[in-house]
Amino acid sequence: MFLYIFWSIFQFFGPDVALVTSLPDGMNLVSYEFVACQDAKKGVLILSEVMTIDSSFYYLLVRAAQSLGAGAILVNPWNITDVASAIAQALNMSPEEREKGHRLNFKHVTTHTAQEWAETFVSELNDTVVEAQLRTKQVPPMLRFQVAIERYLQSNNRLLILGFNATLTEPVDTPGRRGGDQIKEMELKLHPELKEPLTALCSYPKTTIVVLSGSERNVLDNNLSEYSMWLAAENGMFLRFTKGQWMTTMPEHLNMEWVDSVKHVLEYFTERTPRSHFDLRETSLVWNYKYADPEFGRLQARDMLQHLWTGPISNASVDVVQGSRSVEVRAVGVTKGAAIDRILGEIVHSKAMTSSIDYVPCIGHFLGKDEDVYTFFEPELPPDAIGSPRPSVTVALRIPGERRPSLKLPASRSGSKASHGKTQRPVSNSDRKTTNYGTGGGRRTSSEKISFNVLDLKGDNYFSCAVSRTRTSARYLLGSSDEVVSFLKELAQASSSSLSSTTQ
């Protein structure tokens, strides 16, 4: 009751200007309280921009100055003339300017509540636990080609999930190449020795190949259009069989309003980081400093993350994915594991499968955020597995350009981080029944139903392999794309020999 009376008095009889010039002051919320009480009066906030580096609360203070700085007047409290000028500016400010500044600050204060802070804090703790588990986890063994090939030959229906970048491409990040042609190296090219093994594997009737990549559609088209396989671009958000048209698996409520503001930040750091570049994709933006000076690139990436979290994505439903030398901003829910379910549904329907998939190698240089694709196929999940191994089946593929209803995700950063930090019940392969794989994009009008276990994997028939990444949840490792080429070559040769002996 006392707080309500105080708020009412302060709202109608409070000052026109609030001057906060504290230096190292830990949890000072005066500026937030002033903004919350000024919805009617639209008072002006003058805020200190000077913080001491050695303060234990430095991050919190900088965060406060940056978050309210858009609608406040920032001053150097050591400069008396500067402070006096700011007070005069605030007292003589027009009603329109006061309204605009207050609106920005009031929106921030009312959305960044204690509940939001708590959820973000807990989700970041969960993320830290997952990262610590990966760091302390035993390095997986190298893939034994002979074992994987023997299981392949004994299986009836095979699904090969392959990454593209650093998996099927030519290796370019090698010693001595730093001074080379960066533009040429940035053009992803299929490994020259993969033409024959891919052609052979794609020709086998009981083998389906899916190249699942974060790259754009034109990159996959330029490299893989000649093969009879499925292409899944931009982390599975776009899908096509090489003899068909591109479709989109994007959820209808995907919110992309944040793109323009994030683009400006990435352009800013690209201009100021020599040999860096950024890619504007349809579902994400990626800043890459692979060819920049490593130390300077890391410092710039750290500064970029601070700008992003305190600015354009502070209230956006996005995920920030950090690679070894890259920063990617993508909409919440855009992961390879989240898309594979819809991809699998389309493949099953298009090929009119009548038998379960009983052999899956899943090979790729996938970032930590996308390792849920390994978990999706994992037949033997531990009881305390973290993440969503298999979302509910929803197949709704559309040809790009088709009109969709304008739906949005809740605009909350906490939702984006908490979603992948929660523990969910693992789903066994026996539960993975596809009882109603529908169609999308107007491609079919039939309402066929497939009521068999699409995945019937045993532990010995699943080979998840991380390429050149030792901190991984995959079962096995492959050292480089050259080893991927060697494995696919041996797999194709063994398949050809097996078919020859069967037909004789």
Protein backbone atom coordinates (compact mmCIF):
# COMPACT_ATOMS: atom_id res chain seq x y z
CA MET A 1 0.00 0.00 0.00
CA PHE A 2 2.84 2.37 0.89
CA LEU A 3 4.56 1.66 -2.46
CA TYR A 4 1.34 2.40 -4.33
CA ILE A 5 0.93 5.77 -2.54
CA PHE A 6 4.58 6.62 -3.23
CA TRP A 7 4.18 5.74 -6.92
CA SER A 8 1.02 7.86 -7.23
CA ILE A 9 2.64 10.92 -5.61
CA PHE A 10 5.82 10.55 -7.64
CA GLN A 11 3.90 10.12 -10.88
CA PHE A 12 1.92 13.37 -10.62
CA PHE A 13 4.15 15.57 -8.45
CA GLY A 14 7.61 14.18 -9.20
CA PRO A 15 10.43 16.08 -10.88
CA ASP A 16 10.57 16.88 -14.57
CA VAL A 17 14.14 15.60 -14.75
CA ALA A 18 15.99 12.79 -12.94
CA LEU A 19 19.79 13.08 -12.72
CA VAL A 20 21.64 9.81 -11.91
CA THR A 21 25.41 10.31 -11.80
CA SER A 22 26.57 7.41 -9.64
CA LEU A 23 29.84 5.72 -10.58
CA PRO A 24 30.46 2.18 -9.24
CA ASP A 25 27.01 1.60 -7.75
CA GLY A 26 25.95 -2.05 -7.85
CA MET A 27 22.17 -2.48 -7.91
CA ASN A 28 21.00 1.12 -8.24
CA LEU A 29 17.53 0.94 -9.79
CA VAL A 30 16.59 4.60 -9.35
CA SER A 31 16.65 5.21 -13.10
CA TYR A 32 14.26 2.29 -13.70
CA GLU A 33 11.93 3.42 -10.92
CA PHE A 34 11.86 6.96 -12.31
CA VAL A 35 10.92 5.71 -15.79
CA ALA A 36 8.19 3.45 -14.38
CA CYS A 37 6.60 6.39 -12.53
CA GLN A 38 6.67 8.82 -15.47
CA ASP A 39 4.08 7.28 -17.79
CA ALA A 40 1.83 10.34 -17.37
CA LYS A 41 4.40 13.12 -16.94
CA LYS A 42 7.04 11.86 -19.39
CA GLY A 43 10.01 13.03 -17.33
CA VAL A 44 13.50 13.14 -18.81
CA LEU A 45 16.28 10.89 -17.52
CA ILE A 46 19.92 12.04 -17.40
CA LEU A 47 22.18 9.04 -16.88
CA SER A 48 25.88 8.65 -16.13
CA GLU A 49 27.91 7.00 -18.87
CA VAL A 50 31.11 6.67 -16.81
CA MET A 51 31.75 3.32 -15.10
CA THR A 52 34.89 2.02 -13.41
CA ILE A 53 36.33 -1.12 -14.95
CA ASP A 54 37.33 -2.71 -11.64
CA SER A 55 33.79 -2.65 -10.26
CA SER A 56 32.35 -6.12 -9.63
CA PHE A 57 29.07 -4.85 -11.03
CA TYR A 58 30.59 -3.36 -14.17
CA TYR A 59 28.59 -5.52 -16.56
CA LEU A 60 25.30 -4.70 -14.86
CA LEU A 61 26.06 -0.98 -14.89
CA VAL A 62 27.11 -0.89 -18.52
CA ARG A 63 24.02 -2.90 -19.39
CA ALA A 64 21.80 -0.36 -17.61
CA ALA A 65 23.42 2.63 -19.32
CA GLN A 66 23.14 1.02 -22.74
CA SER A 67 19.59 -0.27 -22.27
CA LEU A 68 18.19 3.10 -21.14
CA GLY A 69 20.62 5.17 -23.18
CA ALA A 70 18.32 5.20 -26.21
CA GLY A 71 15.78 7.35 -24.40
CA ALA A 72 18.01 9.14 -21.88
CA ILE A 73 20.64 11.86 -22.02
CA LEU A 74 24.04 10.34 -21.26
CA VAL A 75 26.61 12.55 -19.54
CA ASN A 76 30.10 12.36 -18.10
CA PRO A 77 29.52 13.19 -14.39
CA TRP A 78 33.10 14.47 -14.05
CA ASN A 79 32.38 17.19 -16.61
CA ILE A 80 30.37 19.87 -14.77
CA THR A 81 29.70 21.86 -17.93
CA ASP A 82 28.43 18.76 -19.68
CA VAL A 83 26.05 17.98 -16.79
CA ALA A 84 24.77 21.58 -16.67
CA SER A 85 24.12 21.54 -20.42
CA ALA A 86 22.25 18.23 -20.12
CA ILE A 87 20.00 19.64 -17.39
CA ALA A 88 19.21 22.70 -19.54
CA GLN A 89 18.51 20.46 -22.52
CA ALA A 90 16.16 18.29 -20.47
CA LEU A 91 14.23 21.23 -18.99
CA ASN A 92 13.76 22.85 -22.40
CA MET A 93 12.98 19.67 -24.32
CA SER A 94 9.82 19.71 -26.44
CA PRO A 95 6.87 17.48 -25.46
CA GLU A 96 7.41 15.39 -28.60
CA GLU A 97 11.02 14.64 -27.72
CA ARG A 98 10.10 13.83 -24.11
CA GLU A 99 7.38 11.48 -25.33
CA LYS A 100 9.72 9.70 -27.74
CA GLY A 101 12.51 9.19 -25.18
CA HIS A 102 10.12 8.06 -22.46
CA ARG A 103 8.43 5.59 -24.78
CA LEU A 104 11.75 3.85 -25.54
CA ASN A 105 12.75 3.61 -21.88
CA PHE A 106 9.31 2.64 -20.62
CA LYS A 107 9.13 -0.25 -23.08
CA HIS A 108 12.48 -1.55 -21.88
CA VAL A 109 11.62 -1.24 -18.18
CA THR A 110 8.22 -2.95 -18.51
CA THR A 111 9.50 -5.86 -20.59
CA HIS A 112 12.75 -6.54 -18.69
CA THR A 113 11.01 -7.62 -15.51
CA ALA A 114 12.31 -9.64 -12.58
CA GLN A 115 10.57 -12.70 -14.05
CA GLU A 116 12.36 -12.21 -17.38
CA TRP A 117 15.69 -11.73 -15.63
CA ALA A 118 15.18 -14.89 -13.54
CA GLU A 119 14.24 -17.00 -16.56
CA THR A 120 17.25 -15.75 -18.51
CA PHE A 121 19.56 -16.37 -15.56
CA VAL A 122 18.32 -19.94 -15.06
CA SER A 123 18.48 -20.74 -18.77
CA GLU A 124 22.06 -19.44 -18.95
CA LEU A 125 22.95 -21.65 -15.99
CA ASN A 126 21.49 -24.61 -17.90
CA ASP A 127 23.54 -23.64 -20.95
CA THR A 128 26.66 -23.53 -18.79
CA VAL A 129 25.95 -27.04 -17.51
CA VAL A 130 25.58 -28.37 -21.04
CA GLU A 131 28.81 -26.67 -22.14
CA ALA A 132 30.65 -28.04 -19.10
CA GLN A 133 29.40 -31.54 -19.88
CA LEU A 134 30.71 -31.25 -23.43
CA ARG A 135 34.09 -29.99 -22.20
CA THR A 136 34.52 -32.81 -19.72
CA LYS A 137 33.00 -35.49 -21.91
CA GLN A 138 35.33 -38.17 -23.15
CA VAL A 139 36.44 -37.65 -26.74
CA PRO A 140 34.55 -40.13 -28.96
CA PRO A 141 36.53 -42.78 -30.85
CA MET A 142 37.30 -42.56 -34.54
CA LEU A 143 34.80 -44.21 -36.87
CA ARG A 144 35.76 -47.74 -37.85
CA PHE A 145 34.94 -47.92 -41.54
CA GLN A 146 34.70 -51.70 -41.72
CA VAL A 147 32.11 -51.94 -38.94
CA ALA A 148 29.93 -49.23 -40.45
CA ILE A 149 30.13 -50.80 -43.92
CA GLU A 150 29.24 -54.28 -42.63
CA ARG A 151 26.15 -52.90 -40.89
CA TYR A 152 25.23 -51.03 -44.07
CA LEU A 153 25.34 -54.21 -46.16
CA GLN A 154 23.17 -56.08 -43.64
CA SER A 155 20.47 -53.41 -43.51
CA ASN A 156 17.34 -53.12 -45.65
CA ASN A 157 16.55 -49.39 -45.82
CA ARG A 158 19.29 -46.77 -45.40
CA LEU A 159 19.19 -43.04 -44.77
CA LEU A 160 22.46 -41.08 -45.04
CA ILE A 161 22.43 -37.61 -43.42
CA LEU A 162 25.45 -35.60 -44.57
CA GLY A 163 26.56 -32.07 -43.82
CA PHE A 164 28.11 -29.95 -46.56
CA ASN A 165 30.56 -27.32 -45.34
CA ALA A 166 33.75 -28.97 -43.98
CA THR A 167 32.14 -32.37 -44.66
CA LEU A 168 31.71 -32.74 -48.43
CA THR A 169 33.75 -29.70 -49.44
CA GLU A 170 37.37 -29.25 -50.34
CA PRO A 171 39.53 -28.56 -47.27
CA VAL A 172 40.76 -24.95 -47.47
CA ASP A 173 41.63 -24.03 -43.88
CA THR A 174 45.10 -25.57 -43.94
CA PRO A 175 48.53 -24.20 -42.94
CA GLY A 176 50.02 -22.01 -45.61
CA ARG A 177 46.69 -20.98 -47.10
CA ARG A 178 46.17 -17.86 -44.97
CA GLY A 179 47.60 -15.60 -47.63
CA GLY A 180 45.64 -17.17 -50.46
CA ASP A 181 42.66 -15.91 -52.44
CA GLN A 182 40.00 -15.35 -49.80
CA ILE A 183 37.22 -14.88 -52.35
CA LYS A 184 38.03 -18.22 -53.97
CA GLU A 185 38.22 -19.97 -50.62
CA MET A 186 34.84 -18.56 -49.57
CA GLU A 187 33.21 -20.29 -52.57
CA LEU A 188 32.27 -23.69 -51.19
CA LYS A 189 33.08 -26.45 -53.66
CA LEU A 190 32.24 -30.13 -53.55
CA HIS A 191 35.29 -32.31 -52.97
CA PRO A 192 36.50 -33.37 -56.45
CA GLU A 193 36.84 -37.04 -55.44
CA LEU A 194 33.19 -37.38 -54.37
CA LYS A 195 31.60 -37.47 -57.83
CA GLU A 196 31.82 -41.23 -58.36
CA PRO A 197 30.93 -42.44 -54.84
CA LEU A 198 27.95 -40.06 -54.57
CA THR A 199 26.67 -41.08 -58.00
CA ALA A 200 26.93 -44.73 -57.04
CA LEU A 201 25.29 -44.38 -53.62
CA CYS A 202 22.41 -42.32 -55.02
CA SER A 203 21.67 -45.03 -57.58
CA TYR A 204 20.93 -47.74 -55.00
CA PRO A 205 17.16 -48.13 -54.54
CA LYS A 206 17.29 -48.77 -50.78
CA THR A 207 19.60 -45.83 -50.03
CA THR A 208 18.42 -42.24 -49.52
CA ILE A 209 20.90 -39.37 -49.14
CA VAL A 210 20.08 -36.02 -47.52
CA VAL A 211 22.59 -33.17 -47.54
CA LEU A 212 21.62 -31.01 -44.57
CA SER A 213 23.45 -27.68 -44.56
CA GLY A 214 23.34 -24.17 -43.17
CA SER A 215 24.29 -22.82 -46.60
CA GLU A 216 21.93 -21.09 -48.99
CA ARG A 217 19.95 -22.90 -51.66
CA ASN A 218 22.06 -21.68 -54.57
CA VAL A 219 25.21 -23.11 -52.95
CA LEU A 220 23.70 -26.60 -52.79
CA ASP A 221 22.22 -26.23 -56.28
CA ASN A 222 25.58 -25.28 -57.77
CA ASN A 223 27.33 -28.29 -56.25
CA LEU A 224 24.80 -31.13 -56.00
CA SER A 225 22.05 -30.69 -58.58
CA GLU A 226 23.35 -33.52 -60.77
CA TYR A 227 22.87 -36.17 -58.05
CA SER A 228 19.62 -37.92 -57.13
CA MET A 229 19.44 -36.81 -53.52
CA TRP A 230 17.57 -34.54 -51.12
CA LEU A 231 18.94 -31.07 -50.42
CA ALA A 232 18.07 -29.26 -47.18
CA ALA A 233 19.35 -25.67 -47.13
CA GLU A 234 19.56 -23.06 -44.34
CA ASN A 235 19.52 -25.65 -41.55
CA GLY A 236 16.65 -27.56 -43.13
CA MET A 237 14.29 -24.62 -43.62
CA PHE A 238 14.26 -25.25 -47.40
CA LEU A 239 14.00 -28.68 -48.97
CA ARG A 240 13.89 -30.23 -52.41
CA PHE A 241 14.67 -33.42 -54.25
CA THR A 242 17.18 -32.55 -56.94
CA LYS A 243 14.59 -33.32 -59.62
CA GLY A 244 11.90 -31.18 -57.98
CA GLN A 245 11.24 -27.67 -56.72
CA TRP A 246 12.34 -26.00 -53.52
CA MET A 247 9.82 -26.05 -50.68
CA THR A 248 9.97 -24.43 -47.26
CA THR A 249 9.65 -26.19 -43.93
CA MET A 250 9.67 -22.92 -41.98
CA PRO A 251 7.06 -22.71 -39.20
CA GLU A 252 4.25 -20.34 -40.12
CA HIS A 253 4.81 -18.23 -37.02
CA LEU A 254 8.51 -17.55 -37.63
CA ASN A 255 9.24 -13.92 -36.71
CA MET A 256 11.89 -12.22 -38.87
CA GLU A 257 11.30 -8.58 -37.91
CA TRP A 258 14.71 -8.39 -36.24
CA VAL A 259 16.71 -8.89 -39.46
CA ASP A 260 17.22 -5.26 -40.50
CA SER A 261 18.51 -4.09 -37.11
CA VAL A 262 20.89 -7.04 -36.79
CA LYS A 263 22.10 -6.51 -40.35
CA HIS A 264 23.27 -2.98 -39.48
CA VAL A 265 25.36 -4.31 -36.57
CA LEU A 266 26.98 -7.00 -38.73
CA GLU A 267 27.73 -4.49 -41.48
CA TYR A 268 29.34 -2.19 -38.91
CA PHE A 269 31.72 -4.90 -37.66
CA THR A 270 32.43 -6.20 -41.17
CA GLU A 271 33.65 -2.75 -42.21
CA ARG A 272 35.91 -2.54 -39.16
CA THR A 273 37.32 -6.08 -39.25
CA PRO A 274 39.63 -6.66 -42.22
CA ARG A 275 39.05 -9.94 -44.12
CA SER A 276 35.74 -10.62 -42.38
CA HIS A 277 32.42 -10.97 -44.18
CA PHE A 278 28.77 -11.59 -43.43
CA ASP A 279 26.06 -13.54 -45.25
CA LEU A 280 22.44 -12.43 -45.33
CA ARG A 281 20.22 -15.50 -45.57
CA GLU A 282 16.48 -15.92 -45.47
CA THR A 283 16.35 -17.31 -41.93
CA SER A 284 19.63 -16.13 -40.42
CA LEU A 285 22.61 -13.77 -40.64
CA VAL A 286 26.17 -15.03 -40.29
CA TRP A 287 29.29 -12.98 -39.57
CA ASN A 288 32.48 -14.88 -40.35
CA TYR A 289 36.01 -13.86 -39.34
CA LYS A 290 37.74 -17.05 -40.42
CA TYR A 291 40.29 -15.18 -42.51
CA ALA A 292 40.77 -12.22 -40.14
CA ASP A 293 43.47 -11.89 -37.53
CA PRO A 294 42.39 -14.47 -34.91
CA GLU A 295 42.93 -12.33 -31.80
CA PHE A 296 41.39 -9.20 -33.28
CA GLY A 297 38.50 -11.24 -34.65
CA ARG A 298 37.73 -12.66 -31.20
CA LEU A 299 37.76 -9.19 -29.65
CA GLN A 300 35.43 -7.89 -32.35
CA ALA A 301 33.11 -10.87 -31.91
CA ARG A 302 32.93 -10.22 -28.17
CA ASP A 303 32.11 -6.56 -28.79
CA MET A 304 29.51 -7.54 -31.38
CA LEU A 305 27.74 -9.86 -28.96
CA GLN A 306 27.50 -7.06 -26.39
CA HIS A 307 26.01 -4.73 -29.01
CA LEU A 308 23.50 -7.38 -30.09
CA TRP A 309 22.27 -8.38 -26.63
CA THR A 310 21.86 -4.80 -25.42
CA GLY A 311 20.36 -3.53 -28.64
CA PRO A 312 18.57 -5.08 -31.61
CA ILE A 313 17.91 -8.54 -30.16
CA SER A 314 17.30 -7.65 -26.51
CA ASN A 315 13.59 -8.36 -26.98
CA ALA A 316 13.68 -10.52 -30.13
CA SER A 317 12.97 -14.23 -30.41
CA VAL A 318 16.37 -15.21 -31.74
CA ASP A 319 19.24 -17.52 -30.94
CA VAL A 320 22.89 -16.49 -31.22
CA VAL A 321 25.07 -19.39 -32.35
CA GLN A 322 28.82 -18.97 -31.91
CA GLY A 323 31.14 -21.00 -34.08
CA SER A 324 34.91 -21.24 -33.79
CA ARG A 325 35.25 -18.08 -35.93
CA SER A 326 31.71 -17.01 -36.65
CA VAL A 327 28.61 -15.49 -35.07
CA GLU A 328 25.19 -16.48 -36.41
CA VAL A 329 21.87 -14.91 -35.47
CA ARG A 330 18.86 -17.04 -36.37
CA ALA A 331 15.21 -17.21 -35.46
CA VAL A 332 14.23 -19.39 -32.51
CA GLY A 333 13.50 -22.95 -33.60
CA VAL A 334 15.76 -22.91 -36.65
CA THR A 335 17.95 -25.95 -36.01
CA LYS A 336 18.80 -29.00 -38.04
CA GLY A 337 17.22 -31.31 -35.47
CA ALA A 338 13.97 -29.35 -35.44
CA ALA A 339 13.72 -29.55 -39.24
CA ILE A 340 14.70 -33.18 -39.72
CA ASP A 341 11.29 -34.44 -38.62
CA ARG A 342 9.50 -32.55 -41.37
CA ILE A 343 12.20 -33.52 -43.87
CA LEU A 344 11.82 -37.17 -42.94
CA GLY A 345 8.07 -36.97 -43.41
CA GLU A 346 8.38 -35.61 -46.94
CA ILE A 347 10.98 -38.22 -47.90
CA VAL A 348 8.84 -41.08 -46.61
CA HIS A 349 5.81 -39.86 -48.50
CA SER A 350 7.64 -39.04 -51.74
CA LYS A 351 9.39 -42.40 -51.93
CA ALA A 352 6.24 -44.27 -50.85
CA MET A 353 8.28 -46.20 -48.29
CA THR A 354 6.72 -49.35 -46.90
CA SER A 355 9.60 -50.53 -44.73
CA SER A 356 11.30 -48.90 -41.77
CA ILE A 357 14.64 -47.11 -41.98
CA ASP A 358 17.04 -49.38 -40.13
CA TYR A 359 20.45 -47.82 -40.86
CA VAL A 360 21.49 -44.16 -40.41
CA PRO A 361 24.93 -42.57 -40.55
CA CYS A 362 24.67 -38.88 -39.59
CA ILE A 363 27.93 -37.15 -40.53
CA GLY A 364 28.70 -33.44 -40.37
CA HIS A 365 30.65 -30.52 -39.01
CA PHE A 366 27.60 -29.33 -37.05
CA LEU A 367 27.78 -26.54 -34.47
CA GLY A 368 26.66 -27.28 -30.92
CA LYS A 369 23.25 -25.72 -31.49
CA ASP A 370 22.62 -28.14 -34.39
CA GLU A 371 23.79 -31.29 -32.66
CA ASP A 372 20.15 -32.03 -31.85
CA VAL A 373 20.18 -33.79 -35.22
CA TYR A 374 22.41 -36.44 -33.62
CA THR A 375 19.97 -36.82 -30.75
CA PHE A 376 17.00 -37.10 -33.10
CA PHE A 377 18.19 -40.47 -34.43
CA GLU A 378 19.83 -41.69 -31.22
CA PRO A 379 18.22 -45.06 -30.28
CA GLU A 380 19.84 -45.23 -26.84
CA LEU A 381 19.33 -41.91 -25.05
CA PRO A 382 20.40 -41.69 -21.41
CA PRO A 383 17.56 -41.04 -18.92
CA ASP A 384 18.83 -37.53 -18.15
CA ALA A 385 19.32 -36.48 -21.77
CA ILE A 386 18.99 -32.74 -22.31
CA GLY A 387 17.21 -31.41 -25.35
CA SER A 388 14.35 -32.45 -27.55
CA PRO A 389 15.30 -35.64 -29.42
CA ARG A 390 12.16 -35.61 -31.49
CA PRO A 391 9.48 -32.94 -31.79
CA SER A 392 5.92 -33.75 -32.72
CA VAL A 393 5.43 -34.61 -36.38
CA THR A 394 4.20 -31.68 -38.46
CA VAL A 395 4.72 -31.74 -42.20
CA ALA A 396 3.64 -28.55 -43.94
CA LEU A 397 5.94 -27.90 -46.88
CA ARG A 398 5.23 -24.99 -49.20
CA ILE A 399 6.67 -23.77 -52.44
CA PRO A 400 8.37 -20.39 -51.76
CA GLY A 401 6.12 -17.48 -52.60
CA GLU A 402 2.94 -19.10 -51.37
CA ARG A 403 0.99 -16.79 -49.09
CA ARG A 404 0.94 -17.65 -45.42
CA PRO A 405 -0.92 -16.18 -42.48
CA SER A 406 1.15 -13.61 -40.58
CA LEU A 407 1.77 -15.19 -37.20
CA LYS A 408 4.49 -14.26 -34.74
CA LEU A 409 6.42 -15.90 -31.94
CA PRO A 410 6.30 -14.24 -28.50
CA ALA A 411 8.87 -11.45 -28.49
CA SER A 412 10.98 -12.68 -25.60
CA ARG A 413 14.67 -13.44 -25.51
CA SER A 414 14.18 -15.54 -22.41
CA GLY A 415 11.92 -17.83 -24.38
CA SER A 416 14.61 -18.38 -26.95
CA LYS A 417 17.24 -19.34 -24.42
CA ALA A 418 15.08 -21.25 -22.02
CA SER A 419 13.59 -23.40 -24.74
CA HIS A 420 16.80 -25.30 -25.42
CA GLY A 421 17.88 -25.45 -21.83
CA LYS A 422 14.96 -27.45 -20.49
CA THR A 423 15.02 -31.18 -19.97
CA GLN A 424 12.45 -33.08 -21.95
CA ARG A 425 11.49 -36.72 -21.95
CA PRO A 426 13.53 -38.72 -24.42
CA VAL A 427 11.51 -40.38 -27.17
CA SER A 428 12.49 -43.90 -28.07
CA ASN A 429 12.42 -45.23 -31.62
CA SER A 430 9.50 -47.43 -30.71
CA ASP A 431 7.48 -44.27 -30.03
CA ARG A 432 8.43 -42.65 -33.33
CA LYS A 433 5.40 -43.63 -35.36
CA THR A 434 4.40 -41.56 -38.32
CA THR A 435 0.68 -42.04 -38.51
CA ASN A 436 -0.27 -39.12 -40.72
CA TYR A 437 2.44 -37.67 -42.91
CA GLY A 438 0.60 -34.99 -44.82
CA THR A 439 1.79 -33.01 -47.79
CA GLY A 440 2.36 -29.37 -48.50
CA GLY A 441 2.79 -26.82 -51.21
CA GLY A 442 -0.18 -28.07 -53.19
CA ARG A 443 1.93 -30.88 -54.62
CA ARG A 444 -0.50 -33.65 -53.74
CA THR A 445 -4.18 -33.87 -53.04
CA SER A 446 -4.28 -37.39 -51.68
CA SER A 447 -4.52 -38.01 -47.95
CA GLU A 448 -2.43 -41.15 -47.72
CA LYS A 449 -1.60 -42.42 -44.27
CA ILE A 450 1.51 -44.33 -43.36
CA SER A 451 1.15 -46.27 -40.15
CA PHE A 452 4.46 -48.01 -39.61
CA ASN A 453 7.53 -47.16 -37.56
CA VAL A 454 9.49 -44.93 -39.92
CA LEU A 455 12.61 -45.36 -37.80
CA ASP A 456 13.49 -48.79 -36.50
CA LEU A 457 17.10 -48.23 -35.50
CA LYS A 458 19.15 -50.50 -33.32
CA GLY A 459 22.19 -49.12 -31.58
CA ASP A 460 24.60 -51.01 -33.84
CA ASN A 461 23.06 -49.46 -36.95
CA TYR A 462 23.40 -45.81 -35.98
CA PHE A 463 26.66 -43.95 -36.67
CA SER A 464 26.65 -40.28 -35.69
CA CYS A 465 30.00 -38.75 -36.67
CA ALA A 466 31.36 -35.27 -35.95
CA VAL A 467 33.86 -34.03 -38.52
CA SER A 468 36.91 -32.27 -37.00
CA ARG A 469 35.06 -31.48 -33.73
CA THR A 470 36.13 -33.23 -30.54
CA ARG A 471 33.60 -31.54 -28.22
CA THR A 472 30.53 -33.28 -29.48
CA SER A 473 27.63 -35.52 -28.52
CA ALA A 474 28.20 -37.68 -31.60
CA ARG A 475 29.27 -41.30 -31.16
CA TYR A 476 32.29 -41.14 -33.46
CA LEU A 477 34.80 -38.76 -35.03
CA LEU A 478 36.17 -38.18 -38.49
CA GLY A 479 39.25 -35.98 -38.75
CA SER A 480 38.45 -34.03 -41.92
CA SER A 481 36.46 -33.99 -45.13
CA ASP A 482 39.18 -36.18 -46.66
CA GLU A 483 38.22 -38.94 -44.23
CA VAL A 484 34.56 -38.47 -45.15
CA VAL A 485 35.55 -38.96 -48.80
CA SER A 486 37.47 -42.13 -47.94
CA PHE A 487 34.51 -43.55 -46.02
CA LEU A 488 32.00 -42.83 -48.80
CA LYS A 489 34.36 -44.31 -51.38
CA GLU A 490 34.70 -47.57 -49.43
CA LEU A 491 30.95 -47.62 -48.78
CA ALA A 492 30.18 -47.24 -52.50
CA GLN A 493 32.70 -49.90 -53.49
CA ALA A 494 31.34 -52.39 -50.95
CA SER A 495 27.77 -51.71 -52.09
CA SER A 496 28.72 -52.22 -55.73
CA SER A 497 30.44 -55.51 -54.95
CA SER A 498 27.48 -56.70 -52.92
CA LEU A 499 25.02 -55.87 -55.72
CA SER A 500 27.21 -57.60 -58.30
CA SER A 501 27.39 -60.80 -56.26
CA THR A 502 23.61 -60.71 -55.70
CA THR A 503 22.75 -60.38 -59.41
CA GLN A 504 25.10 -63.15 -60.51
